[in-house]
Structure formats: C-alpha cells, structure tokens
C-alpha atoms as a PDB file:
ATOM      1  CA  MET A   1     -19.755 142.228-200.509  1.00  0.00           C
ATOM      2  CA  ASN A   2     -17.970 139.198-201.884  1.00  0.00           C
ATOM      3  CA  ASN A   3     -15.227 139.473-204.479  1.00  0.00           C
ATOM      4  CA  ALA A   4     -17.610 139.119-207.445  1.00  0.00           C
ATOM      5  CA  VAL A   5     -19.239 142.432-206.539  1.00  0.00           C
ATOM      6  CA  LYS A   6     -16.582 144.323-204.605  1.00  0.00           C
ATOM      7  CA  GLN A   7     -13.572 143.628-206.806  1.00  0.00           C
ATOM      8  CA  SER A   8     -15.056 143.561-210.311  1.00  0.00           C
ATOM      9  CA  GLN A   9     -12.642 145.592-212.410  1.00  0.00           C
ATOM     10  CA  THR A  10     -13.789 144.709-215.931  1.00  0.00           C
ATOM     11  CA  VAL A  11     -17.396 143.990-216.940  1.00  0.00           C
ATOM     12  CA  LEU A  12     -18.441 142.887-220.425  1.00  0.00           C
ATOM     13  CA  VAL A  13     -22.069 143.204-221.536  1.00  0.00           C
ATOM     14  CA  LEU A  14     -23.056 141.128-224.565  1.00  0.00           C
ATOM     15  CA  GLY A  15     -26.017 143.125-225.796  1.00  0.00           C
ATOM     16  CA  GLY A  16     -24.591 146.419-224.645  1.00  0.00           C
ATOM     17  CA  THR A  17     -27.693 148.531-225.321  1.00  0.00           C
ATOM     18  CA  SER A  18     -29.872 146.430-222.999  1.00  0.00           C
ATOM     19  CA  ASP A  19     -31.744 148.341-220.300  1.00  0.00           C
ATOM     20  CA  ILE A  20     -31.304 145.440-217.903  1.00  0.00           C
ATOM     21  CA  GLY A  21     -27.636 145.065-218.774  1.00  0.00           C
ATOM     22  CA  ARG A  22     -27.061 148.742-218.048  1.00  0.00           C
ATOM     23  CA  SER A  23     -28.832 148.501-214.689  1.00  0.00           C
ATOM     24  CA  ILE A  24     -26.781 145.469-213.705  1.00  0.00           C
ATOM     25  CA  VAL A  25     -23.546 147.322-214.397  1.00  0.00           C
ATOM     26  CA  GLU A  26     -24.797 150.288-212.383  1.00  0.00           C
ATOM     27  CA  ALA A  27     -25.415 147.934-209.472  1.00  0.00           C
ATOM     28  CA  LEU A  28     -21.818 146.709-209.749  1.00  0.00           C
ATOM     29  CA  VAL A  29     -20.214 150.140-209.709  1.00  0.00           C
ATOM     30  CA  SER A  30     -17.508 150.380-207.054  1.00  0.00           C
ATOM     31  CA  PRO A  31     -14.112 152.092-206.711  1.00  0.00           C
ATOM     32  CA  ALA A  32     -12.595 148.931-208.180  1.00  0.00           C
ATOM     33  CA  LEU A  33     -14.547 149.096-211.446  1.00  0.00           C
ATOM     34  CA  ARG A  34     -12.183 150.275-214.157  1.00  0.00           C
ATOM     35  CA  ARG A  35     -13.780 149.358-217.454  1.00  0.00           C
ATOM     36  CA  VAL A  36     -17.191 148.505-218.916  1.00  0.00           C
ATOM     37  CA  ILE A  37     -17.169 146.915-222.357  1.00  0.00           C
ATOM     38  CA  LEU A  38     -20.459 147.233-224.245  1.00  0.00           C
ATOM     39  CA  ALA A  39     -20.674 144.676-227.048  1.00  0.00           C
ATOM     40  CA  VAL A  40     -23.240 145.872-229.598  1.00  0.00           C
ATOM     41  CA  ARG A  41     -24.450 144.777-233.010  1.00  0.00           C
ATOM     42  CA  ASP A  42     -24.378 148.225-234.629  1.00  0.00           C
ATOM     43  CA  LEU A  43     -21.353 150.150-233.394  1.00  0.00           C
ATOM     44  CA  GLU A  44     -22.169 153.385-235.225  1.00  0.00           C
ATOM     45  CA  LEU A  45     -25.771 153.407-234.007  1.00  0.00           C
ATOM     46  CA  ALA A  46     -24.717 152.699-230.429  1.00  0.00           C
ATOM     47  CA  GLU A  47     -22.186 155.505-230.441  1.00  0.00           C
ATOM     48  CA  GLN A  48     -24.875 157.896-231.695  1.00  0.00           C
ATOM     49  CA  SER A  49     -27.531 156.747-229.230  1.00  0.00           C
ATOM     50  CA  THR A  50     -28.145 157.507-225.579  1.00  0.00           C
ATOM     51  CA  CYS A  51     -25.507 154.888-224.716  1.00  0.00           C
ATOM     52  CA  VAL A  52     -22.847 157.543-225.111  1.00  0.00           C
ATOM     53  CA  ASP A  53     -24.417 159.429-222.203  1.00  0.00           C
ATOM     54  CA  TRP A  54     -24.230 156.443-219.871  1.00  0.00           C
ATOM     55  CA  SER A  55     -21.752 156.570-217.016  1.00  0.00           C
ATOM     56  CA  PHE A  56     -20.648 153.955-214.504  1.00  0.00           C
ATOM     57  CA  GLY A  57     -18.742 155.832-211.842  1.00  0.00           C
ATOM     58  CA  ASP A  58     -15.214 156.492-213.011  1.00  0.00           C
ATOM     59  CA  ALA A  59     -15.088 153.422-215.239  1.00  0.00           C
ATOM     60  CA  GLU A  60     -14.025 153.733-218.869  1.00  0.00           C
ATOM     61  CA  ILE A  61     -16.676 152.703-221.403  1.00  0.00           C
ATOM     62  CA  VAL A  62     -15.536 150.805-224.475  1.00  0.00           C
ATOM     63  CA  PHE A  63     -17.691 149.706-227.434  1.00  0.00           C
ATOM     64  CA  VAL A  64     -16.993 146.550-229.436  1.00  0.00           C
ATOM     65  CA  VAL A  65     -18.955 144.835-232.191  1.00  0.00           C
ATOM     66  CA  PHE A  66     -20.976 141.729-231.322  1.00  0.00           C
ATOM     67  CA  ASP A  67     -23.585 139.948-233.423  1.00  0.00           C
ATOM     68  CA  ALA A  68     -25.389 137.075-231.702  1.00  0.00           C
ATOM     69  CA  GLU A  69     -26.079 135.428-235.055  1.00  0.00           C
ATOM     70  CA  ASP A  70     -22.446 135.521-236.178  1.00  0.00           C
ATOM     71  CA  THR A  71     -21.441 132.548-234.071  1.00  0.00           C
ATOM     72  CA  ALA A  72     -18.156 132.091-235.937  1.00  0.00           C
ATOM     73  CA  SER A  73     -16.937 135.402-234.506  1.00  0.00           C
ATOM     74  CA  HIS A  74     -17.717 134.821-230.835  1.00  0.00           C
ATOM     75  CA  ALA A  75     -14.587 133.014-229.711  1.00  0.00           C
ATOM     76  CA  ALA A  76     -12.362 135.526-231.516  1.00  0.00           C
ATOM     77  CA  LEU A  77     -14.245 138.445-229.935  1.00  0.00           C
ATOM     78  CA  ILE A  78     -13.793 137.126-226.396  1.00  0.00           C
ATOM     79  CA  ALA A  79     -10.139 136.339-227.055  1.00  0.00           C
ATOM     80  CA  ASP A  80      -9.552 139.819-228.484  1.00  0.00           C
ATOM     81  CA  VAL A  81     -11.308 141.599-225.627  1.00  0.00           C
ATOM     82  CA  SER A  82      -9.346 139.591-223.065  1.00  0.00           C
ATOM     83  CA  GLU A  83      -6.065 140.261-224.822  1.00  0.00           C
ATOM     84  CA  ARG A  84      -6.755 143.998-224.955  1.00  0.00           C
ATOM     85  CA  PHE A  85      -8.249 144.510-221.526  1.00  0.00           C
ATOM     86  CA  GLY A  86      -7.164 141.577-219.371  1.00  0.00           C
ATOM     87  CA  ASP A  87      -9.290 139.282-217.243  1.00  0.00           C
ATOM     88  CA  LEU A  88     -13.061 139.528-217.418  1.00  0.00           C
ATOM     89  CA  ASP A  89     -14.576 139.603-213.937  1.00  0.00           C
ATOM     90  CA  VAL A  90     -18.257 139.682-214.910  1.00  0.00           C
ATOM     91  CA  VAL A  91     -19.836 138.964-218.290  1.00  0.00           C
ATOM     92  CA  VAL A  92     -23.549 139.702-218.749  1.00  0.00           C
ATOM     93  CA  GLN A  93     -25.359 137.825-221.507  1.00  0.00           C
ATOM     94  CA  ALA A  94     -28.058 140.457-222.037  1.00  0.00           C
ATOM     95  CA  PHE A  95     -28.943 140.145-225.724  1.00  0.00           C
ATOM     96  CA  GLY A  96     -32.148 138.630-227.043  1.00  0.00           C
ATOM     97  CA  GLN A  97     -35.357 139.290-228.920  1.00  0.00           C
ATOM     98  CA  LEU A  98     -39.012 138.837-228.031  1.00  0.00           C
ATOM     99  CA  GLY A  99     -40.305 138.350-231.562  1.00  0.00           C
ATOM    100  CA  GLU A 100     -43.822 137.384-232.550  1.00  0.00           C
ATOM    101  CA  ALA A 101     -43.055 134.079-234.203  1.00  0.00           C
ATOM    102  CA  GLY A 102     -45.832 131.503-234.083  1.00  0.00           C
ATOM    103  CA  LEU A 103     -47.444 128.679-235.980  1.00  0.00           C
ATOM    104  CA  ASP A 104     -47.524 130.572-239.268  1.00  0.00           C
ATOM    105  CA  ASP A 105     -43.942 131.874-239.455  1.00  0.00           C
ATOM    106  CA  PRO A 106     -41.232 129.210-239.358  1.00  0.00           C
ATOM    107  CA  ILE A 107     -38.604 131.594-240.741  1.00  0.00           C
ATOM    108  CA  ALA A 108     -39.149 134.118-237.943  1.00  0.00           C
ATOM    109  CA  ALA A 109     -39.152 131.275-235.438  1.00  0.00           C
ATOM    110  CA  ALA A 110     -35.820 129.993-236.704  1.00  0.00           C
ATOM    111  CA  HIS A 111     -34.369 133.500-236.529  1.00  0.00           C
ATOM    112  CA  LEU A 112     -35.518 133.883-232.926  1.00  0.00           C
ATOM    113  CA  ALA A 113     -33.970 130.544-232.027  1.00  0.00           C
ATOM    114  CA  GLN A 114     -30.731 131.540-233.737  1.00  0.00           C
ATOM    115  CA  VAL A 115     -30.427 134.741-231.702  1.00  0.00           C
ATOM    116  CA  ASN A 116     -31.782 133.683-228.324  1.00  0.00           C
ATOM    117  CA  TYR A 117     -30.513 130.126-228.114  1.00  0.00           C
ATOM    118  CA  VAL A 118     -27.791 129.412-230.662  1.00  0.00           C
ATOM    119  CA  GLY A 119     -26.144 132.780-230.017  1.00  0.00           C
ATOM    120  CA  ALA A 120     -26.324 132.169-226.279  1.00  0.00           C
ATOM    121  CA  VAL A 121     -24.680 128.754-226.601  1.00  0.00           C
ATOM    122  CA  SER A 122     -21.890 129.989-228.842  1.00  0.00           C
ATOM    123  CA  SER A 123     -21.050 133.115-226.851  1.00  0.00           C
ATOM    124  CA  GLY A 124     -21.566 131.314-223.559  1.00  0.00           C
ATOM    125  CA  LEU A 125     -18.999 128.657-224.401  1.00  0.00           C
ATOM    126  CA  ALA A 126     -16.524 131.288-225.583  1.00  0.00           C
ATOM    127  CA  VAL A 127     -16.925 133.200-222.326  1.00  0.00           C
ATOM    128  CA  ALA A 128     -16.734 130.017-220.247  1.00  0.00           C
ATOM    129  CA  GLU A 129     -13.426 129.050-221.801  1.00  0.00           C
ATOM    130  CA  GLN A 130     -11.976 132.467-220.975  1.00  0.00           C
ATOM    131  CA  LEU A 131     -13.253 132.451-217.390  1.00  0.00           C
ATOM    132  CA  ARG A 132     -12.039 128.884-216.864  1.00  0.00           C
ATOM    133  CA  SER A 133      -8.580 129.773-218.149  1.00  0.00           C
ATOM    134  CA  GLN A 134      -8.507 132.788-215.797  1.00  0.00           C
ATOM    135  CA  GLY A 135      -9.620 130.694-212.872  1.00  0.00           C
ATOM    136  CA  HIS A 136     -12.274 133.220-211.869  1.00  0.00           C
ATOM    137  CA  GLY A 137     -15.184 135.272-213.158  1.00  0.00           C
ATOM    138  CA  THR A 138     -18.959 135.046-213.418  1.00  0.00           C
ATOM    139  CA  LEU A 139     -21.187 134.713-216.470  1.00  0.00           C
ATOM    140  CA  ILE A 140     -24.618 136.208-215.789  1.00  0.00           C
ATOM    141  CA  VAL A 141     -27.258 134.783-218.121  1.00  0.00           C
ATOM    142  CA  LEU A 142     -30.560 136.645-218.485  1.00  0.00           C
ATOM    143  CA  SER A 143     -33.083 133.868-218.890  1.00  0.00           C
ATOM    144  CA  SER A 144     -36.833 134.260-218.290  1.00  0.00           C
ATOM    145  CA  VAL A 145     -39.714 132.613-216.468  1.00  0.00           C
ATOM    146  CA  ALA A 146     -41.207 132.255-219.959  1.00  0.00           C
ATOM    147  CA  GLY A 147     -38.899 129.267-220.350  1.00  0.00           C
ATOM    148  CA  VAL A 148     -40.049 127.510-217.201  1.00  0.00           C
ATOM    149  CA  ARG A 149     -43.335 126.509-218.825  1.00  0.00           C
ATOM    150  CA  THR A 150     -44.097 127.759-222.308  1.00  0.00           C
ATOM    151  CA  ARG A 151     -47.391 129.458-223.112  1.00  0.00           C
ATOM    152  CA  ALA A 152     -49.330 129.233-226.375  1.00  0.00           C
ATOM    153  CA  SER A 153     -49.150 133.001-226.850  1.00  0.00           C
ATOM    154  CA  ASN A 154     -45.323 133.048-227.006  1.00  0.00           C
ATOM    155  CA  PHE A 155     -44.258 129.422-227.134  1.00  0.00           C
ATOM    156  CA  VAL A 156     -41.442 129.993-229.645  1.00  0.00           C
ATOM    157  CA  TYR A 157     -39.863 132.683-227.487  1.00  0.00           C
ATOM    158  CA  GLY A 158     -40.443 130.585-224.384  1.00  0.00           C
ATOM    159  CA  SER A 159     -38.761 127.592-225.990  1.00  0.00           C
ATOM    160  CA  THR A 160     -35.665 129.640-226.812  1.00  0.00           C
ATOM    161  CA  LYS A 161     -35.412 130.807-223.201  1.00  0.00           C
ATOM    162  CA  ALA A 162     -35.963 127.267-221.965  1.00  0.00           C
ATOM    163  CA  GLY A 163     -33.070 126.115-224.102  1.00  0.00           C
ATOM    164  CA  GLN A 164     -30.856 128.991-222.995  1.00  0.00           C
ATOM    165  CA  ASP A 165     -31.724 128.325-219.357  1.00  0.00           C
ATOM    166  CA  ALA A 166     -30.966 124.609-219.599  1.00  0.00           C
ATOM    167  CA  PHE A 167     -27.688 125.316-221.370  1.00  0.00           C
ATOM    168  CA  ALA A 168     -26.581 127.902-218.798  1.00  0.00           C
ATOM    169  CA  THR A 169     -27.535 125.694-215.862  1.00  0.00           C
ATOM    170  CA  GLY A 170     -25.573 122.795-217.315  1.00  0.00           C
ATOM    171  CA  LEU A 171     -22.631 125.050-218.123  1.00  0.00           C
ATOM    172  CA  GLY A 172     -22.505 126.100-214.488  1.00  0.00           C
ATOM    173  CA  HIS A 173     -22.222 122.456-213.445  1.00  0.00           C
ATOM    174  CA  ALA A 174     -19.530 121.850-216.061  1.00  0.00           C
ATOM    175  CA  LEU A 175     -17.470 124.747-214.685  1.00  0.00           C
ATOM    176  CA  HIS A 176     -17.730 123.625-211.068  1.00  0.00           C
ATOM    177  CA  GLY A 177     -14.341 123.624-209.399  1.00  0.00           C
ATOM    178  CA  SER A 178     -12.693 125.784-212.069  1.00  0.00           C
ATOM    179  CA  GLY A 179     -13.163 129.101-210.267  1.00  0.00           C
ATOM    180  CA  ALA A 180     -15.531 130.269-213.011  1.00  0.00           C
ATOM    181  CA  ARG A 181     -19.250 130.496-212.297  1.00  0.00           C
ATOM    182  CA  VAL A 182     -22.576 130.902-214.067  1.00  0.00           C
ATOM    183  CA  MET A 183     -25.562 132.673-212.558  1.00  0.00           C
ATOM    184  CA  VAL A 184     -28.914 132.199-214.294  1.00  0.00           C
ATOM    185  CA  VAL A 185     -31.399 135.044-213.824  1.00  0.00           C
ATOM    186  CA  ARG A 186     -35.106 134.322-214.331  1.00  0.00           C
ATOM    187  CA  PRO A 187     -37.108 137.549-214.347  1.00  0.00           C
ATOM    188  CA  GLY A 188     -40.786 137.811-215.036  1.00  0.00           C
ATOM    189  CA  PHE A 189     -42.181 140.744-216.991  1.00  0.00           C
ATOM    190  CA  VAL A 190     -39.648 143.598-217.013  1.00  0.00           C
ATOM    191  CA  ARG A 191     -40.670 147.141-217.911  1.00  0.00           C
ATOM    192  CA  SER A 192     -38.094 148.043-220.551  1.00  0.00           C
ATOM    193  CA  SER A 193     -37.731 149.325-224.089  1.00  0.00           C
ATOM    194  CA  MET A 194     -38.209 145.747-225.298  1.00  0.00           C
ATOM    195  CA  THR A 195     -41.615 145.417-223.639  1.00  0.00           C
ATOM    196  CA  ALA A 196     -42.845 148.978-224.221  1.00  0.00           C
ATOM    197  CA  GLY A 197     -46.505 149.004-225.217  1.00  0.00           C
ATOM    198  CA  MET A 198     -47.187 145.473-223.986  1.00  0.00           C
ATOM    199  CA  ASP A 199     -49.722 144.625-221.300  1.00  0.00           C
ATOM    200  CA  GLU A 200     -47.957 144.015-218.021  1.00  0.00           C
ATOM    201  CA  ALA A 201     -48.030 140.579-216.464  1.00  0.00           C
ATOM    202  CA  PRO A 202     -48.450 140.074-212.710  1.00  0.00           C
ATOM    203  CA  PHE A 203     -45.341 140.704-210.596  1.00  0.00           C
ATOM    204  CA  ALA A 204     -43.871 143.119-213.184  1.00  0.00           C
ATOM    205  CA  VAL A 205     -40.551 144.708-212.229  1.00  0.00           C
ATOM    206  CA  ASP A 206     -38.167 147.397-213.470  1.00  0.00           C
ATOM    207  CA  PRO A 207     -34.599 146.836-214.736  1.00  0.00           C
ATOM    208  CA  ALA A 208     -33.291 148.240-211.444  1.00  0.00           C
ATOM    209  CA  ASP A 209     -35.139 145.488-209.577  1.00  0.00           C
ATOM    210  CA  VAL A 210     -33.430 142.859-211.714  1.00  0.00           C
ATOM    211  CA  ALA A 211     -30.074 144.531-211.109  1.00  0.00           C
ATOM    212  CA  SER A 212     -30.573 144.579-207.334  1.00  0.00           C
ATOM    213  CA  ALA A 213     -31.440 140.896-207.354  1.00  0.00           C
ATOM    214  CA  VAL A 214     -28.388 140.124-209.492  1.00  0.00           C
ATOM    215  CA  ALA A 215     -26.064 142.018-207.142  1.00  0.00           C
ATOM    216  CA  ALA A 216     -27.572 140.219-204.166  1.00  0.00           C
ATOM    217  CA  GLY A 217     -27.193 136.892-205.978  1.00  0.00           C
ATOM    218  CA  LEU A 218     -23.523 137.606-206.623  1.00  0.00           C
ATOM    219  CA  ARG A 219     -22.982 138.371-202.951  1.00  0.00           C
ATOM    220  CA  ARG A 220     -24.646 135.093-201.975  1.00  0.00           C
ATOM    221  CA  GLY A 221     -22.905 133.093-204.679  1.00  0.00           C
ATOM    222  CA  SER A 222     -26.287 132.016-206.104  1.00  0.00           C
ATOM    223  CA  SER A 223     -26.525 129.854-209.189  1.00  0.00           C
ATOM    224  CA  VAL A 224     -30.155 130.845-209.943  1.00  0.00           C
ATOM    225  CA  VAL A 225     -31.954 134.113-209.194  1.00  0.00           C
ATOM    226  CA  TRP A 226     -35.700 134.695-209.640  1.00  0.00           C
ATOM    227  CA  VAL A 227     -37.012 138.247-210.039  1.00  0.00           C
ATOM    228  CA  PRO A 228     -39.109 138.938-208.100  1.00  0.00           C
ATOM    229  CA  GLY A 229     -38.282 136.115-205.697  1.00  0.00           C
ATOM    230  CA  VAL A 230     -41.936 135.146-205.270  1.00  0.00           C
ATOM    231  CA  LEU A 231     -41.950 133.769-208.837  1.00  0.00           C
ATOM    232  CA  ARG A 232     -39.853 130.847-207.666  1.00  0.00           C
ATOM    233  CA  TRP A 233     -42.789 129.660-205.596  1.00  0.00           C
ATOM    234  CA  VAL A 234     -45.446 130.683-208.124  1.00  0.00           C
ATOM    235  CA  PHE A 235     -43.830 128.656-210.887  1.00  0.00           C
ATOM    236  CA  GLY A 236     -43.076 125.860-208.473  1.00  0.00           C
ATOM    237  CA  ILE A 237     -46.847 125.386-208.452  1.00  0.00           C
ATOM    238  CA  LEU A 238     -47.665 126.405-212.037  1.00  0.00           C
ATOM    239  CA  ARG A 239     -45.063 124.029-213.431  1.00  0.00           C
ATOM    240  CA  PHE A 240     -47.323 121.166-212.381  1.00  0.00           C
ATOM    241  CA  ALA A 241     -50.722 122.745-213.084  1.00  0.00           C
ATOM    242  CA  PRO A 242     -52.968 120.627-215.369  1.00  0.00           C
ATOM    243  CA  ASN A 243     -52.824 121.619-219.028  1.00  0.00           C
ATOM    244  CA  PHE A 244     -56.401 122.891-219.125  1.00  0.00           C
ATOM    245  CA  VAL A 245     -55.647 125.207-216.203  1.00  0.00           C
ATOM    246  CA  TRP A 246     -52.443 126.438-217.827  1.00  0.00           C
ATOM    247  CA  ARG A 247     -54.248 127.214-221.092  1.00  0.00           C
ATOM    248  CA  LYS A 248     -56.901 129.225-219.226  1.00  0.00           C
ATOM    249  CA  LEU A 249     -54.197 131.289-217.521  1.00  0.00           C
ATOM    250  CA  ASP A 250     -52.787 132.156-220.943  1.00  0.00           C
ATOM    251  CA  ARG A 251     -55.973 133.839-222.181  1.00  0.00           C
END
C-alpha cells in the first residue's frame, strides 16, 4: 500500500450517511486509522439512525454538521475540524441527490444544481485549501458516468455531475506539486439506498465495488477511477456516438 491507504489516520466524509462513503472508509481501515468524521446534514437523525452502529476497526467515529447548500459555512467547518482533529488524510465528497428535475421544474433543477455542483465547488475549495496547507492529503470526489454524456431522462442530474467532474479534474491540476491530490471517481449504476427501486443499468455495481476501486486507485496514485473499469472504454465510444443513436439508447 502507498501512504494514502496505509497511513490514513483521519478520514472525513462529507455526506456521512452515504452507503458508498461508508464502504470507502471500510476499505481504508488499517491499524493507523484513528478517527472517522462523518459530516451530516441532520445530526440528530444521523445519531438515531443505523450510522451509530457503524464501526471502522478501532477508529473513533465523530459526527459534525454539514449542509451542502450552506456554502457560507464550508470553509469554517473544514477549519474547525482541522483545528480539533489535526491533518485530514482523506476527504470523501460523498453527498449528492438524484432528483427528478426536468423540463417542467426549474426550481427543483436549481436545487439539484445547488447541492450537487455548487456545494461540491464550495466544499471542494475549502478542503483543497486545507490539504494544500498541510502539504498532503487526498480529496476523493464521487462523480458519475452520467456526467460524461447527459441523457434526456436525467439531463439535469447529469449536468450537475458533469460540472462537478470538470471542477474536480481542474482542481487536481491546480493542486499539482502541492502534495495535495484529487481523485475523481466515475461509477455507473450503484445499488444503494439512493437508487433503491430503480431499474438497474448495465454494469451495475455495489458500494463495496466502488470502495475496492477507490482503494486500488489510491494505491496507484490515480487521478480518475472508473467503476467498473470497463465503463472507461464503453464511454470512450459512446461519447462520440451520433445523437440519434444516443437517444435510442436512452429509451
């Protein structure tokens, strides 16, 4: 293992109730892991939910309040967490909403953009500043293949993930040479509480599959991870498919 996996002592999950976020932390458990900070929107609800039964080896679990839409609070939250608990070795940006916003609901669309994109930019910059000042640490950004080429059936959601992905990729370049890193994760359909009841897309995976790919990506020092890996090649072709073909695939 490289240092990002083997020596991670403090992990912060923005979107602390996320199934994928939990699985990623489980994949990072080692004797070195001392503390897992779960940043959640509703502290009382989280402390009453199944989150309290989670365990990550011998690591202490701490809950803090985080609201993706409250962008004015993000920098202060990261500063406070760092002051209380020291350097952040891994930060997982695991929050987000699927939503059903479309042509007929501009308010819902704006809300989705506020959470998935604006919240990601604000919290991402706050985390980046902390990691840069430390001189080490990795920000893991859960993007989606939905942002690679947006589909008519979920184009608002796809556009928010496209924006988040572009931001995170650029942020990684901006941090080059600082010791801080960004790893963008592009999963396909993930079986989770967020997608419960939905029809599965081809190449569906479980949160544990995403976590395994993330851990492997950290060991390799990857900047982008596709889950499953075959989607890199699938979307390498689909990205350039004619529009009429793409629309047929979306039916």
